[in-house]
């Protein structure tokens, strides 16, 4: 009897589904969200970063619970295993990038 093997999605397609659900959820409450991911070296896992000003109204545990609740709603339990971690970031915790100071031009003294 042939075995039926369930084809699993790769980590990137799982993150895309998750990102779409997170964007939709944040848009419904009127907040922008930035989502990026990166591969975990040597594995099939992905690390996900979620940045939004909505997090300024939540503690760290609330942020994690909110995002993982969305993840559990849209991903199968086997798909969640491809997400190594989800990092939630309040942009207020990072200073605005400062422009690098310009270096003074060197002047060459003339020889007489």
Protein backbone atom coordinates (compact mmCIF):
# COMPACT_ATOMS: atom_id res chain seq x y z
CA UNK A 1 0.00 0.00 0.00
CA UNK A 2 1.49 3.39 -0.96
CA UNK A 3 2.29 5.81 1.82
CA UNK A 4 0.74 9.24 1.72
CA UNK A 5 3.26 11.87 2.62
CA UNK A 6 2.06 15.34 3.48
CA UNK A 7 4.16 17.90 1.66
CA UNK A 8 5.26 20.56 4.09
CA UNK A 9 5.74 24.18 3.14
CA UNK A 10 9.16 25.73 3.48
CA UNK A 11 9.92 28.23 6.21
CA UNK A 12 9.74 31.28 3.95
CA UNK A 13 6.22 30.52 2.68
CA UNK A 14 5.11 29.96 6.27
CA UNK A 15 6.53 33.35 7.28
CA UNK A 16 4.74 34.99 4.34
CA UNK A 17 1.41 33.57 5.50
CA UNK A 18 2.13 34.69 9.06
CA UNK A 19 3.18 38.18 7.90
CA UNK A 20 0.02 38.57 5.86
CA UNK A 21 -2.14 37.67 8.87
CA UNK A 22 -0.21 40.01 11.18
CA UNK A 23 -0.49 42.93 8.72
CA UNK A 24 -4.22 42.33 8.37
CA UNK A 25 -4.73 42.17 12.13
CA UNK A 26 -2.71 45.35 12.78
CA UNK A 27 -4.49 47.21 9.97
CA UNK A 28 -7.85 46.33 11.55
CA UNK A 29 -6.84 48.28 14.67
CA UNK A 30 -5.24 51.12 12.69
CA UNK A 31 -1.51 50.46 13.14
CA UNK A 32 1.32 49.98 10.69
CA UNK A 33 3.64 47.07 11.16
CA UNK A 34 7.03 46.15 9.75
CA UNK A 35 7.85 42.46 9.44
CA UNK A 36 11.16 40.98 8.42
CA UNK A 37 12.62 37.53 8.71
CA UNK A 38 15.95 35.85 8.31
CA UNK A 39 17.07 32.25 8.07
CA UNK A 40 18.62 30.60 11.10
CA UNK A 41 22.02 29.46 9.90
CA UNK A 42 22.33 25.73 9.22
CA UNK A 43 18.60 25.01 9.70
CA UNK A 44 15.28 25.27 7.88
CA UNK A 45 14.01 27.65 10.56
CA UNK A 46 13.22 31.36 10.23
CA UNK A 47 13.62 34.15 12.78
CA UNK A 48 10.84 36.79 12.54
CA UNK A 49 11.02 40.45 13.63
CA UNK A 50 7.79 42.43 14.11
CA UNK A 51 8.02 46.19 14.71
CA UNK A 52 5.02 48.41 15.48
CA UNK A 53 4.04 51.39 17.59
CA UNK A 54 1.11 49.30 18.85
CA UNK A 55 3.62 47.55 21.08
CA UNK A 56 4.18 50.79 23.03
CA UNK A 57 0.85 50.10 24.76
CA UNK A 58 1.77 46.53 25.75
CA UNK A 59 4.22 44.80 27.98
CA UNK A 60 6.65 42.31 26.47
CA UNK A 61 4.55 39.27 27.41
CA UNK A 62 1.41 40.87 25.95
CA UNK A 63 3.26 41.56 22.70
CA UNK A 64 4.37 37.93 22.45
CA UNK A 65 0.94 36.57 23.35
CA UNK A 66 -0.70 38.82 20.75
CA UNK A 67 1.61 37.73 17.93
CA UNK A 68 1.63 34.03 18.85
CA UNK A 69 -2.17 34.07 19.05
CA UNK A 70 -2.21 35.23 15.43
CA UNK A 71 0.37 32.58 14.52
CA UNK A 72 -1.65 29.78 16.12
CA UNK A 73 -4.76 30.97 14.28
CA UNK A 74 -3.23 30.90 10.79
CA UNK A 75 -0.53 28.21 10.97
CA UNK A 76 -0.81 24.46 11.45
CA UNK A 77 1.02 23.17 14.53
CA UNK A 78 3.58 21.48 12.26
CA UNK A 79 4.19 24.78 10.44
CA UNK A 80 4.84 26.66 13.68
CA UNK A 81 7.94 24.49 14.11
CA UNK A 82 9.58 26.36 11.20
CA UNK A 83 9.47 29.61 13.21
CA UNK A 84 12.51 29.71 15.47
CA UNK A 85 11.42 32.85 17.31
CA UNK A 86 9.37 35.98 16.91
CA UNK A 87 10.99 39.16 18.19
CA UNK A 88 8.54 41.98 18.93
CA UNK A 89 10.00 45.49 18.84
CA UNK A 90 8.60 48.85 19.91
CA UNK A 91 10.37 51.38 17.64
CA UNK A 92 10.57 53.87 20.53
CA UNK A 93 13.22 51.64 22.13
CA UNK A 94 15.67 52.44 19.36
CA UNK A 95 17.16 55.88 18.91
CA UNK A 96 16.77 57.53 15.55
CA UNK A 97 19.89 57.05 13.49
CA UNK A 98 22.15 60.05 13.74
CA UNK A 99 24.02 61.30 10.71
CA UNK A 100 27.74 60.74 10.87
CA UNK A 101 29.66 63.92 11.58
CA UNK A 102 31.49 65.29 8.59
CA UNK A 103 35.21 65.07 8.78
CA UNK A 104 37.07 68.33 8.59
CA UNK A 105 38.96 68.78 5.37
CA UNK A 106 42.68 68.65 5.74
CA UNK A 107 44.43 71.74 4.59
CA UNK A 108 47.89 71.53 3.20
CA UNK A 109 50.21 74.25 4.39
CA UNK A 110 52.08 75.83 1.55
CA UNK A 111 55.85 75.62 1.65
CA UNK A 112 57.84 78.76 1.06
